[in-house]
Structures are given as structure tokens and as C-alpha cells.
C-alpha atoms as a PDB file:
ATOM      1  CA  UNK A   1     -24.619 -35.031 -27.095  1.00  0.00           C
ATOM      2  CA  UNK A   2     -23.069 -35.726 -23.680  1.00  0.00           C
ATOM      3  CA  UNK A   3     -19.907 -35.926 -25.067  1.00  0.00           C
ATOM      4  CA  UNK A   4     -19.907 -32.037 -26.736  1.00  0.00           C
ATOM      5  CA  UNK A   5     -21.069 -30.856 -23.340  1.00  0.00           C
ATOM      6  CA  UNK A   6     -18.372 -32.064 -21.223  1.00  0.00           C
ATOM      7  CA  UNK A   7     -16.106 -30.685 -24.156  1.00  0.00           C
ATOM      8  CA  UNK A   8     -17.236 -27.233 -24.010  1.00  0.00           C
ATOM      9  CA  UNK A   9     -18.214 -27.226 -20.219  1.00  0.00           C
ATOM     10  CA  UNK A  10     -14.224 -28.703 -19.878  1.00  0.00           C
ATOM     11  CA  UNK A  11     -13.109 -25.929 -21.792  1.00  0.00           C
ATOM     12  CA  UNK A  12     -14.870 -23.114 -20.221  1.00  0.00           C
ATOM     13  CA  UNK A  13     -12.880 -24.826 -16.651  1.00  0.00           C
ATOM     14  CA  UNK A  14      -9.630 -24.152 -18.540  1.00  0.00           C
ATOM     15  CA  UNK A  15      -9.851 -20.777 -19.810  1.00  0.00           C
ATOM     16  CA  UNK A  16     -11.758 -19.857 -16.789  1.00  0.00           C
ATOM     17  CA  UNK A  17      -8.334 -21.398 -15.259  1.00  0.00           C
ATOM     18  CA  UNK A  18      -6.109 -20.205 -17.285  1.00  0.00           C
ATOM     19  CA  UNK A  19      -7.608 -16.360 -17.201  1.00  0.00           C
ATOM     20  CA  UNK A  20      -6.601 -15.971 -13.915  1.00  0.00           C
ATOM     21  CA  UNK A  21      -3.313 -14.130 -13.300  1.00  0.00           C
ATOM     22  CA  UNK A  22      -0.396 -16.134 -11.260  1.00  0.00           C
ATOM     23  CA  UNK A  23       0.760 -12.891  -9.777  1.00  0.00           C
ATOM     24  CA  UNK A  24       0.167 -12.181  -6.493  1.00  0.00           C
ATOM     25  CA  UNK A  25      -1.775  -8.964  -6.033  1.00  0.00           C
ATOM     26  CA  UNK A  26      -0.539  -6.383  -3.877  1.00  0.00           C
ATOM     27  CA  UNK A  27      -4.076  -6.994  -1.328  1.00  0.00           C
ATOM     28  CA  UNK A  28      -3.574 -10.852  -1.425  1.00  0.00           C
ATOM     29  CA  UNK A  29       0.619  -9.625   0.406  1.00  0.00           C
ATOM     30  CA  UNK A  30      -1.629  -7.692   2.302  1.00  0.00           C
ATOM     31  CA  UNK A  31      -4.156 -10.716   3.087  1.00  0.00           C
ATOM     32  CA  UNK A  32      -1.386 -13.017   3.725  1.00  0.00           C
ATOM     33  CA  UNK A  33       0.383 -10.525   5.910  1.00  0.00           C
ATOM     34  CA  UNK A  34      -2.151 -10.632   8.612  1.00  0.00           C
ATOM     35  CA  UNK A  35      -1.602 -14.901   8.707  1.00  0.00           C
ATOM     36  CA  UNK A  36       2.194 -14.306  10.103  1.00  0.00           C
ATOM     37  CA  UNK A  37       3.559 -13.322  12.682  1.00  0.00           C
ATOM     38  CA  UNK A  38       6.555 -11.026  11.314  1.00  0.00           C
ATOM     39  CA  UNK A  39       4.468  -9.029   9.723  1.00  0.00           C
ATOM     40  CA  UNK A  40       2.198  -5.853  11.544  1.00  0.00           C
ATOM     41  CA  UNK A  41      -1.396  -4.768   9.687  1.00  0.00           C
ATOM     42  CA  UNK A  42      -2.747  -1.913  10.583  1.00  0.00           C
ATOM     43  CA  UNK A  43      -5.596  -0.032   9.215  1.00  0.00           C
ATOM     44  CA  UNK A  44      -6.114   3.678   9.658  1.00  0.00           C
ATOM     45  CA  UNK A  45      -9.010   5.355   8.847  1.00  0.00           C
ATOM     46  CA  UNK A  46      -8.287   9.519   7.192  1.00  0.00           C
ATOM     47  CA  UNK A  47      -9.924  10.565  10.357  1.00  0.00           C
ATOM     48  CA  UNK A  48      -7.187   9.977  12.646  1.00  0.00           C
ATOM     49  CA  UNK A  49      -4.734  12.673  10.166  1.00  0.00           C
ATOM     50  CA  UNK A  50      -7.133  14.724  12.635  1.00  0.00           C
ATOM     51  CA  UNK A  51      -7.283  17.828  10.209  1.00  0.00           C
ATOM     52  CA  UNK A  52     -10.311  20.603  10.564  1.00  0.00           C
ATOM     53  CA  UNK A  53     -11.962  20.331   7.411  1.00  0.00           C
ATOM     54  CA  UNK A  54     -12.396  24.726   8.505  1.00  0.00           C
ATOM     55  CA  UNK A  55      -9.600  25.418   8.160  1.00  0.00           C
ATOM     56  CA  UNK A  56      -8.644  23.797   4.980  1.00  0.00           C
ATOM     57  CA  UNK A  57      -8.271  25.688   1.765  1.00  0.00           C
ATOM     58  CA  UNK A  58     -10.716  24.302  -0.699  1.00  0.00           C
ATOM     59  CA  UNK A  59      -8.399  22.388  -2.892  1.00  0.00           C
ATOM     60  CA  UNK A  60      -6.807  20.895   0.446  1.00  0.00           C
ATOM     61  CA  UNK A  61     -10.560  20.023   1.817  1.00  0.00           C
ATOM     62  CA  UNK A  62     -11.146  18.119  -1.180  1.00  0.00           C
ATOM     63  CA  UNK A  63      -8.130  16.419  -1.412  1.00  0.00           C
ATOM     64  CA  UNK A  64      -9.170  14.943   2.884  1.00  0.00           C
ATOM     65  CA  UNK A  65     -12.450  13.516   1.610  1.00  0.00           C
ATOM     66  CA  UNK A  66     -10.979  11.909  -0.989  1.00  0.00           C
ATOM     67  CA  UNK A  67      -9.127  10.379   0.839  1.00  0.00           C
ATOM     68  CA  UNK A  68     -10.808   6.730   2.614  1.00  0.00           C
ATOM     69  CA  UNK A  69      -8.249   5.352   4.853  1.00  0.00           C
ATOM     70  CA  UNK A  70      -4.351   3.525   4.929  1.00  0.00           C
ATOM     71  CA  UNK A  71      -3.570   0.192   4.952  1.00  0.00           C
ATOM     72  CA  UNK A  72       0.081  -0.125   6.212  1.00  0.00           C
ATOM     73  CA  UNK A  73       2.114  -3.762   6.152  1.00  0.00           C
ATOM     74  CA  UNK A  74       4.994  -3.527   8.108  1.00  0.00           C
ATOM     75  CA  UNK A  75       8.050  -6.366   8.337  1.00  0.00           C
ATOM     76  CA  UNK A  76      10.476  -6.049  11.481  1.00  0.00           C
ATOM     77  CA  UNK A  77      14.340  -7.094   9.868  1.00  0.00           C
ATOM     78  CA  UNK A  78      15.416  -9.564  12.157  1.00  0.00           C
ATOM     79  CA  UNK A  79      19.394 -10.332  11.899  1.00  0.00           C
ATOM     80  CA  UNK A  80      19.161 -13.862  12.551  1.00  0.00           C
ATOM     81  CA  UNK A  81      16.381 -13.998   9.429  1.00  0.00           C
ATOM     82  CA  UNK A  82      17.695 -11.458   7.351  1.00  0.00           C
ATOM     83  CA  UNK A  83      17.298 -14.203   3.707  1.00  0.00           C
ATOM     84  CA  UNK A  84      13.496 -14.051   5.072  1.00  0.00           C
ATOM     85  CA  UNK A  85      13.341 -10.426   5.115  1.00  0.00           C
ATOM     86  CA  UNK A  86      14.763  -9.891   1.844  1.00  0.00           C
ATOM     87  CA  UNK A  87      13.000 -12.204   0.325  1.00  0.00           C
ATOM     88  CA  UNK A  88       9.926 -10.564   1.224  1.00  0.00           C
ATOM     89  CA  UNK A  89      11.295  -7.384  -0.094  1.00  0.00           C
ATOM     90  CA  UNK A  90      11.487  -9.641  -3.423  1.00  0.00           C
ATOM     91  CA  UNK A  91       8.043 -10.772  -3.505  1.00  0.00           C
ATOM     92  CA  UNK A  92       6.805  -6.513  -2.466  1.00  0.00           C
ATOM     93  CA  UNK A  93       9.190  -5.389  -5.272  1.00  0.00           C
ATOM     94  CA  UNK A  94       8.030  -8.474  -7.828  1.00  0.00           C
ATOM     95  CA  UNK A  95       4.207  -7.405  -7.403  1.00  0.00           C
ATOM     96  CA  UNK A  96       4.857  -3.357  -7.902  1.00  0.00           C
ATOM     97  CA  UNK A  97       6.874  -3.836 -11.524  1.00  0.00           C
ATOM     98  CA  UNK A  98       3.574  -4.867 -12.396  1.00  0.00           C
ATOM     99  CA  UNK A  99       2.820  -1.692 -15.327  1.00  0.00           C
ATOM    100  CA  UNK A 100      -0.992  -1.344 -13.604  1.00  0.00           C
ATOM    101  CA  UNK A 101       1.204   0.632 -10.738  1.00  0.00           C
ATOM    102  CA  UNK A 102       2.310   3.665 -12.043  1.00  0.00           C
ATOM    103  CA  UNK A 103       5.972   4.965 -10.500  1.00  0.00           C
ATOM    104  CA  UNK A 104       5.733   8.745  -9.089  1.00  0.00           C
ATOM    105  CA  UNK A 105       9.058   9.195  -7.539  1.00  0.00           C
ATOM    106  CA  UNK A 106      12.056   7.078  -5.796  1.00  0.00           C
ATOM    107  CA  UNK A 107      14.111   8.719  -2.299  1.00  0.00           C
ATOM    108  CA  UNK A 108      16.965   7.774  -0.767  1.00  0.00           C
ATOM    109  CA  UNK A 109      18.414   8.954   1.807  1.00  0.00           C
ATOM    110  CA  UNK A 110      21.472   7.619   3.867  1.00  0.00           C
ATOM    111  CA  UNK A 111      20.191   3.863   4.686  1.00  0.00           C
ATOM    112  CA  UNK A 112      16.544   4.375   4.388  1.00  0.00           C
ATOM    113  CA  UNK A 113      15.123   3.349   0.288  1.00  0.00           C
ATOM    114  CA  UNK A 114      11.184   3.474  -1.193  1.00  0.00           C
ATOM    115  CA  UNK A 115       9.822   4.538  -4.025  1.00  0.00           C
ATOM    116  CA  UNK A 116       5.867   5.930  -4.206  1.00  0.00           C
ATOM    117  CA  UNK A 117       3.475   4.495  -6.935  1.00  0.00           C
ATOM    118  CA  UNK A 118       0.241   4.624  -7.719  1.00  0.00           C
ATOM    119  CA  UNK A 119      -2.839   2.985  -9.635  1.00  0.00           C
ATOM    120  CA  UNK A 120      -5.092   5.537 -11.439  1.00  0.00           C
ATOM    121  CA  UNK A 121      -4.474   8.416 -14.271  1.00  0.00           C
ATOM    122  CA  UNK A 122      -3.193  12.005 -13.968  1.00  0.00           C
ATOM    123  CA  UNK A 123      -6.504  13.117 -13.201  1.00  0.00           C
ATOM    124  CA  UNK A 124      -7.630  10.568 -10.427  1.00  0.00           C
ATOM    125  CA  UNK A 125      -5.738   8.554  -8.420  1.00  0.00           C
ATOM    126  CA  UNK A 126      -7.314   5.477  -7.065  1.00  0.00           C
ATOM    127  CA  UNK A 127      -4.453   4.420  -4.895  1.00  0.00           C
ATOM    128  CA  UNK A 128      -1.404   5.759  -4.157  1.00  0.00           C
ATOM    129  CA  UNK A 129       1.692   3.010  -2.857  1.00  0.00           C
ATOM    130  CA  UNK A 130       4.704   3.977  -0.570  1.00  0.00           C
ATOM    131  CA  UNK A 131       7.239   1.716   0.180  1.00  0.00           C
ATOM    132  CA  UNK A 132       9.731   2.020   2.006  1.00  0.00           C
ATOM    133  CA  UNK A 133      12.320   0.507   3.854  1.00  0.00           C
ATOM    134  CA  UNK A 134      15.611   1.036   6.257  1.00  0.00           C
ATOM    135  CA  UNK A 135      18.315  -0.901   6.338  1.00  0.00           C
ATOM    136  CA  UNK A 136      18.387  -1.887  10.036  1.00  0.00           C
ATOM    137  CA  UNK A 137      14.847  -1.522  10.878  1.00  0.00           C
ATOM    138  CA  UNK A 138      13.166  -3.997   7.832  1.00  0.00           C
ATOM    139  CA  UNK A 139      10.264  -2.352   5.643  1.00  0.00           C
ATOM    140  CA  UNK A 140       6.817  -0.841   4.981  1.00  0.00           C
ATOM    141  CA  UNK A 141       4.057  -0.627   2.414  1.00  0.00           C
ATOM    142  CA  UNK A 142       1.388   1.764   3.035  1.00  0.00           C
ATOM    143  CA  UNK A 143      -1.914   2.109   0.878  1.00  0.00           C
ATOM    144  CA  UNK A 144      -3.607   5.127   0.687  1.00  0.00           C
ATOM    145  CA  UNK A 145      -6.476   4.256  -0.479  1.00  0.00           C
ATOM    146  CA  UNK A 146      -9.393   6.665  -1.556  1.00  0.00           C
ATOM    147  CA  UNK A 147     -12.246   7.610  -4.135  1.00  0.00           C
ATOM    148  CA  UNK A 148     -10.424   9.615  -7.006  1.00  0.00           C
ATOM    149  CA  UNK A 149      -7.852  11.818  -5.104  1.00  0.00           C
ATOM    150  CA  UNK A 150      -6.213  14.268  -7.269  1.00  0.00           C
ATOM    151  CA  UNK A 151      -3.077  14.551  -7.774  1.00  0.00           C
ATOM    152  CA  UNK A 152      -2.091  18.663  -7.451  1.00  0.00           C
ATOM    153  CA  UNK A 153      -4.210  18.586  -4.389  1.00  0.00           C
ATOM    154  CA  UNK A 154      -2.490  15.823  -2.767  1.00  0.00           C
ATOM    155  CA  UNK A 155       0.301  17.695  -2.476  1.00  0.00           C
ATOM    156  CA  UNK A 156      -1.717  20.765  -1.134  1.00  0.00           C
ATOM    157  CA  UNK A 157      -3.380  18.085   1.873  1.00  0.00           C
ATOM    158  CA  UNK A 158       0.463  16.950   2.181  1.00  0.00           C
ATOM    159  CA  UNK A 159       1.744  20.997   3.278  1.00  0.00           C
ATOM    160  CA  UNK A 160      -2.247  20.944   5.786  1.00  0.00           C
ATOM    161  CA  UNK A 161      -1.010  17.373   7.337  1.00  0.00           C
ATOM    162  CA  UNK A 162       2.930  19.108   8.095  1.00  0.00           C
ATOM    163  CA  UNK A 163       1.620  21.991   9.949  1.00  0.00           C
ATOM    164  CA  UNK A 164      -0.725  20.254  11.950  1.00  0.00           C
ATOM    165  CA  UNK A 165      -1.322  18.531  15.156  1.00  0.00           C
ATOM    166  CA  UNK A 166      -1.824  14.547  13.795  1.00  0.00           C
ATOM    167  CA  UNK A 167      -3.929  11.797  16.223  1.00  0.00           C
ATOM    168  CA  UNK A 168      -0.519   9.514  16.355  1.00  0.00           C
ATOM    169  CA  UNK A 169      -2.937   6.591  18.003  1.00  0.00           C
ATOM    170  CA  UNK A 170      -2.864   4.563  15.206  1.00  0.00           C
ATOM    171  CA  UNK A 171       0.895   5.226  14.217  1.00  0.00           C
ATOM    172  CA  UNK A 172       1.919   4.403  17.588  1.00  0.00           C
ATOM    173  CA  UNK A 173       0.964   0.436  16.808  1.00  0.00           C
ATOM    174  CA  UNK A 174       4.277   0.831  14.207  1.00  0.00           C
ATOM    175  CA  UNK A 175       6.521   2.712  16.329  1.00  0.00           C
ATOM    176  CA  UNK A 176       5.896   0.037  19.160  1.00  0.00           C
ATOM    177  CA  UNK A 177       6.505  -2.720  16.653  1.00  0.00           C
ATOM    178  CA  UNK A 178       9.822  -1.080  15.283  1.00  0.00           C
ATOM    179  CA  UNK A 179      11.398  -0.607  18.700  1.00  0.00           C
ATOM    180  CA  UNK A 180      10.519  -3.679  19.905  1.00  0.00           C
ATOM    181  CA  UNK A 181      13.166  -6.549  19.010  1.00  0.00           C
END
């Protein structure tokens, strides 16, 4: 009986360990980034966008209320450590290759490149991910976290943000990070 219990327990342990994914998640990558001085990690609540809800359309208001926060992870390029920078970009690209991240669009403009991906479906986005790099500066991964964000409303919200006075206090730290070499 004792041997049978050991076999069952051993089998359960193997199954549990085997079911754990060896792939790194974006959340794990963020956590590791907080422990690495080469990274800057900033959490910005949606309220920092400083939008007046009374001036928003119904769709824009719904989109704004569905936003939770923005998690920003930035890596500044140090030319002396270019191989480390490239290795970090590869890690992010590998994470974003996971099929749970659906690609929305890619962009390229001169020395800047990026991709926008999301987790969710056509009717409800749980997380929007922007990964962009600039040749001589570094890269940033922005996770827009929310609750049942609707793609069609998000585009309306972008228009509202473009025409508003955004509170840049939370973004100042990011700007300073890239400008201080």
C-alpha cells in the first residue's frame, strides 16, 4: 500500500510539473525587468490621461471606463552593450509569438518599428500590447490593461486622447530614462 501511495504521489508531481509551461509570460518578463537596473518599469493609471468624461461620447466614455492601467517596460540602448539589448528584444519577440497574442498591426517609420497585439477576441480585448523600438534609443513594451475593452470604442478613445490635454507626469520618467545616456 505504501508503494502505491508513493507511485500515485510521484505521478501527480510529474503531471503537475509537466503541465507547467516553460515559456516565459509577458508578466514574468515585467517582473524580471523590475529587478534589472537596465530596465525602467512604470505603472500609469488610466486616470493620468486626464480626460473629462463629460466631454466624451458614449462610446468614448465606455472605452475610458474599461481602461485599468498602462504597464510600461522600457530598455535603454547602451551602445557598449548592444548584444545584451538585442538579446532582450529577442526575448520579447519570442514571448509575443505565443498564439494567445493576436496581431492587430505592425508599423515602421524610419528608425522606429513596432507591433500591436492583443489578448481577447474581436468583441472584447483583455490586454493590448504595444512593442516598439527605436534604433538608437531602445525599446518599450506597453501593456494596456482593462476590462472588456471593445476595439471599436478604443479607436474613438484614441481620437479623444489626441485632442485632450494629457497629464504627462507619469510619462516624464519614461522620457527622462531615454534622454539620460
